[in-house]
Amino acid sequence: MRIGRLNKRITIQRASNYVDANGVTKTGWNDLKTIWCSMNGLSGKEYWTAKSYGAENTVEFVIRYSACKDLNAKDRIQYKGRVFNIIHVDNILYKNETLKIKAVEVN
């Protein structure tokens, strides 16, 4: 992986439960890590596949594997005030070097 391509700063957020002042359990988002990534919009076949299930603004993020080994589809990504729900996390070729993340922007 070319390190120079990791030129965007994103924050990984993870859901956690907490009890509010009234004793009601609620779910909130906590910042887990802020890391470097590359970011691409989908094109070609990937774009049309995403469009077929209604994912209008699907984005692909690529990060180092070591940056967030336990990343999963229950987490989300925040980038410049925009929020993306993670659809899929792929450990490329199972080499434990990079993770390719497909995510859909929340409107």
C-alpha atoms as a PDB file:
ATOM      1  CA  MET A   1       0.000   0.000   0.000  1.00  0.00           C
ATOM      2  CA  ARG A   2       1.233   3.453  -0.844  1.00  0.00           C
ATOM      3  CA  ILE A   3       1.186   5.489   2.336  1.00  0.00           C
ATOM      4  CA  GLY A   4       0.698   8.745   0.402  1.00  0.00           C
ATOM      5  CA  ARG A   5      -2.788   7.605  -0.630  1.00  0.00           C
ATOM      6  CA  LEU A   6      -3.900   7.556   3.007  1.00  0.00           C
ATOM      7  CA  ASN A   7      -4.616  11.280   2.956  1.00  0.00           C
ATOM      8  CA  LYS A   8      -8.046  11.551   4.592  1.00  0.00           C
ATOM      9  CA  ARG A   9      -8.683  11.623   8.338  1.00  0.00           C
ATOM     10  CA  ILE A  10     -11.729   9.667   9.555  1.00  0.00           C
ATOM     11  CA  THR A  11     -13.117   8.788  12.959  1.00  0.00           C
ATOM     12  CA  ILE A  12     -14.390   5.295  13.695  1.00  0.00           C
ATOM     13  CA  GLN A  13     -17.377   5.344  16.042  1.00  0.00           C
ATOM     14  CA  ARG A  14     -18.813   2.445  18.038  1.00  0.00           C
ATOM     15  CA  ALA A  15     -22.256   2.194  19.603  1.00  0.00           C
ATOM     16  CA  SER A  16     -22.490   1.807  23.362  1.00  0.00           C
ATOM     17  CA  ASN A  17     -25.331   1.644  25.843  1.00  0.00           C
ATOM     18  CA  TYR A  18     -25.747   4.053  28.732  1.00  0.00           C
ATOM     19  CA  VAL A  19     -28.394   4.815  31.324  1.00  0.00           C
ATOM     20  CA  ASP A  20     -29.831   8.326  31.261  1.00  0.00           C
ATOM     21  CA  ALA A  21     -30.980  10.391  34.264  1.00  0.00           C
ATOM     22  CA  ASN A  22     -34.416   8.723  34.177  1.00  0.00           C
ATOM     23  CA  GLY A  23     -32.949   5.216  34.316  1.00  0.00           C
ATOM     24  CA  VAL A  24     -33.695   4.465  30.671  1.00  0.00           C
ATOM     25  CA  THR A  25     -31.058   2.545  28.713  1.00  0.00           C
ATOM     26  CA  LYS A  26     -30.135   4.320  25.489  1.00  0.00           C
ATOM     27  CA  THR A  27     -27.593   3.796  22.732  1.00  0.00           C
ATOM     28  CA  GLY A  28     -25.043   6.472  21.829  1.00  0.00           C
ATOM     29  CA  TRP A  29     -22.010   6.724  19.578  1.00  0.00           C
ATOM     30  CA  ASN A  30     -18.506   7.043  21.024  1.00  0.00           C
ATOM     31  CA  ASP A  31     -15.344   7.896  19.076  1.00  0.00           C
ATOM     32  CA  LEU A  32     -13.163   4.800  18.975  1.00  0.00           C
ATOM     33  CA  LYS A  33     -10.188   5.931  16.860  1.00  0.00           C
ATOM     34  CA  THR A  34      -9.175   8.655  14.440  1.00  0.00           C
ATOM     35  CA  ILE A  35      -7.135   7.196  11.594  1.00  0.00           C
ATOM     36  CA  TRP A  36      -5.808   7.880   8.083  1.00  0.00           C
ATOM     37  CA  CYS A  37      -7.496   6.364   5.026  1.00  0.00           C
ATOM     38  CA  SER A  38      -8.010   6.671   1.304  1.00  0.00           C
ATOM     39  CA  MET A  39     -11.536   7.387   0.138  1.00  0.00           C
ATOM     40  CA  ASN A  40     -13.164   6.622  -3.234  1.00  0.00           C
ATOM     41  CA  GLY A  41     -16.645   6.793  -4.668  1.00  0.00           C
ATOM     42  CA  LEU A  42     -17.790   3.616  -6.376  1.00  0.00           C
ATOM     43  CA  SER A  43     -17.771   3.325 -10.148  1.00  0.00           C
ATOM     44  CA  GLY A  44     -18.677   0.795 -12.801  1.00  0.00           C
ATOM     45  CA  LYS A  45     -20.162  -2.515 -11.694  1.00  0.00           C
ATOM     46  CA  GLU A  46     -19.782  -1.703  -7.974  1.00  0.00           C
ATOM     47  CA  TYR A  47     -21.788   1.508  -8.431  1.00  0.00           C
ATOM     48  CA  TRP A  48     -24.670  -0.233 -10.213  1.00  0.00           C
ATOM     49  CA  THR A  49     -24.723  -3.038  -7.652  1.00  0.00           C
ATOM     50  CA  ALA A  50     -24.951  -0.498  -4.819  1.00  0.00           C
ATOM     51  CA  LYS A  51     -27.623   1.469  -6.666  1.00  0.00           C
ATOM     52  CA  SER A  52     -29.730  -1.672  -7.114  1.00  0.00           C
ATOM     53  CA  TYR A  53     -30.272  -1.910  -3.351  1.00  0.00           C
ATOM     54  CA  GLY A  54     -30.837   1.812  -2.848  1.00  0.00           C
ATOM     55  CA  ALA A  55     -27.390   2.824  -1.583  1.00  0.00           C
ATOM     56  CA  GLU A  56     -27.128   6.128  -3.430  1.00  0.00           C
ATOM     57  CA  ASN A  57     -23.959   7.495  -1.828  1.00  0.00           C
ATOM     58  CA  THR A  58     -21.772   4.454  -1.299  1.00  0.00           C
ATOM     59  CA  VAL A  59     -18.120   5.165  -0.547  1.00  0.00           C
ATOM     60  CA  GLU A  60     -15.121   2.876  -0.273  1.00  0.00           C
ATOM     61  CA  PHE A  61     -12.539   3.543   2.445  1.00  0.00           C
ATOM     62  CA  VAL A  62      -9.175   1.774   2.658  1.00  0.00           C
ATOM     63  CA  ILE A  63      -7.259   1.706   5.950  1.00  0.00           C
ATOM     64  CA  ARG A  64      -4.312  -0.157   7.413  1.00  0.00           C
ATOM     65  CA  TYR A  65      -5.323  -3.418   9.076  1.00  0.00           C
ATOM     66  CA  SER A  66      -3.413  -2.506  12.236  1.00  0.00           C
ATOM     67  CA  ALA A  67      -5.322   0.793  12.568  1.00  0.00           C
ATOM     68  CA  CYS A  68      -8.545  -0.963  13.616  1.00  0.00           C
ATOM     69  CA  LYS A  69      -8.352  -4.769  13.570  1.00  0.00           C
ATOM     70  CA  ASP A  70     -11.741  -5.251  15.243  1.00  0.00           C
ATOM     71  CA  LEU A  71     -13.737  -3.017  12.875  1.00  0.00           C
ATOM     72  CA  ASN A  72     -17.139  -4.465  11.949  1.00  0.00           C
ATOM     73  CA  ALA A  73     -20.447  -3.585  10.288  1.00  0.00           C
ATOM     74  CA  LYS A  74     -21.930  -2.410  13.610  1.00  0.00           C
ATOM     75  CA  ASP A  75     -19.491   0.517  13.662  1.00  0.00           C
ATOM     76  CA  ARG A  76     -19.745   3.713  11.624  1.00  0.00           C
ATOM     77  CA  ILE A  77     -17.415   6.314  10.110  1.00  0.00           C
ATOM     78  CA  GLN A  78     -17.459  10.064  10.536  1.00  0.00           C
ATOM     79  CA  TYR A  79     -15.727  12.258   7.949  1.00  0.00           C
ATOM     80  CA  LYS A  80     -15.950  16.065   7.952  1.00  0.00           C
ATOM     81  CA  GLY A  81     -19.348  16.079   9.651  1.00  0.00           C
ATOM     82  CA  ARG A  82     -20.727  13.355   7.381  1.00  0.00           C
ATOM     83  CA  VAL A  83     -21.714   9.971   8.807  1.00  0.00           C
ATOM     84  CA  PHE A  84     -21.352   6.644   6.974  1.00  0.00           C
ATOM     85  CA  ASN A  85     -22.856   3.332   8.080  1.00  0.00           C
ATOM     86  CA  ILE A  86     -20.517   0.437   7.357  1.00  0.00           C
ATOM     87  CA  ILE A  87     -21.965  -2.232   5.079  1.00  0.00           C
ATOM     88  CA  HIS A  88     -18.980  -4.514   4.647  1.00  0.00           C
ATOM     89  CA  VAL A  89     -15.371  -4.848   5.862  1.00  0.00           C
ATOM     90  CA  ASP A  90     -12.933  -6.846   3.715  1.00  0.00           C
ATOM     91  CA  ASN A  91      -9.486  -7.966   4.890  1.00  0.00           C
ATOM     92  CA  ILE A  92      -7.898  -7.840   1.434  1.00  0.00           C
ATOM     93  CA  LEU A  93      -6.548 -11.279   0.474  1.00  0.00           C
ATOM     94  CA  TYR A  94      -6.475 -12.110   4.223  1.00  0.00           C
ATOM     95  CA  LYS A  95      -2.972 -10.660   4.423  1.00  0.00           C
ATOM     96  CA  ASN A  96      -3.750  -8.535   7.510  1.00  0.00           C
ATOM     97  CA  GLU A  97      -2.319  -5.474   5.750  1.00  0.00           C
ATOM     98  CA  THR A  98      -5.319  -3.447   4.591  1.00  0.00           C
ATOM     99  CA  LEU A  99      -9.063  -3.297   5.180  1.00  0.00           C
ATOM    100  CA  LYS A 100     -11.459  -2.214   2.427  1.00  0.00           C
ATOM    101  CA  ILE A 101     -14.649  -0.751   3.881  1.00  0.00           C
ATOM    102  CA  LYS A 102     -17.856  -0.148   1.944  1.00  0.00           C
ATOM    103  CA  ALA A 103     -20.128   2.365   3.628  1.00  0.00           C
ATOM    104  CA  VAL A 104     -23.312   4.298   2.856  1.00  0.00           C
ATOM    105  CA  GLU A 105     -23.774   7.935   3.846  1.00  0.00           C
ATOM    106  CA  VAL A 106     -26.566   8.620   6.318  1.00  0.00           C
ATOM    107  CA  ASN A 107     -28.771  11.501   5.186  1.00  0.00           C
END
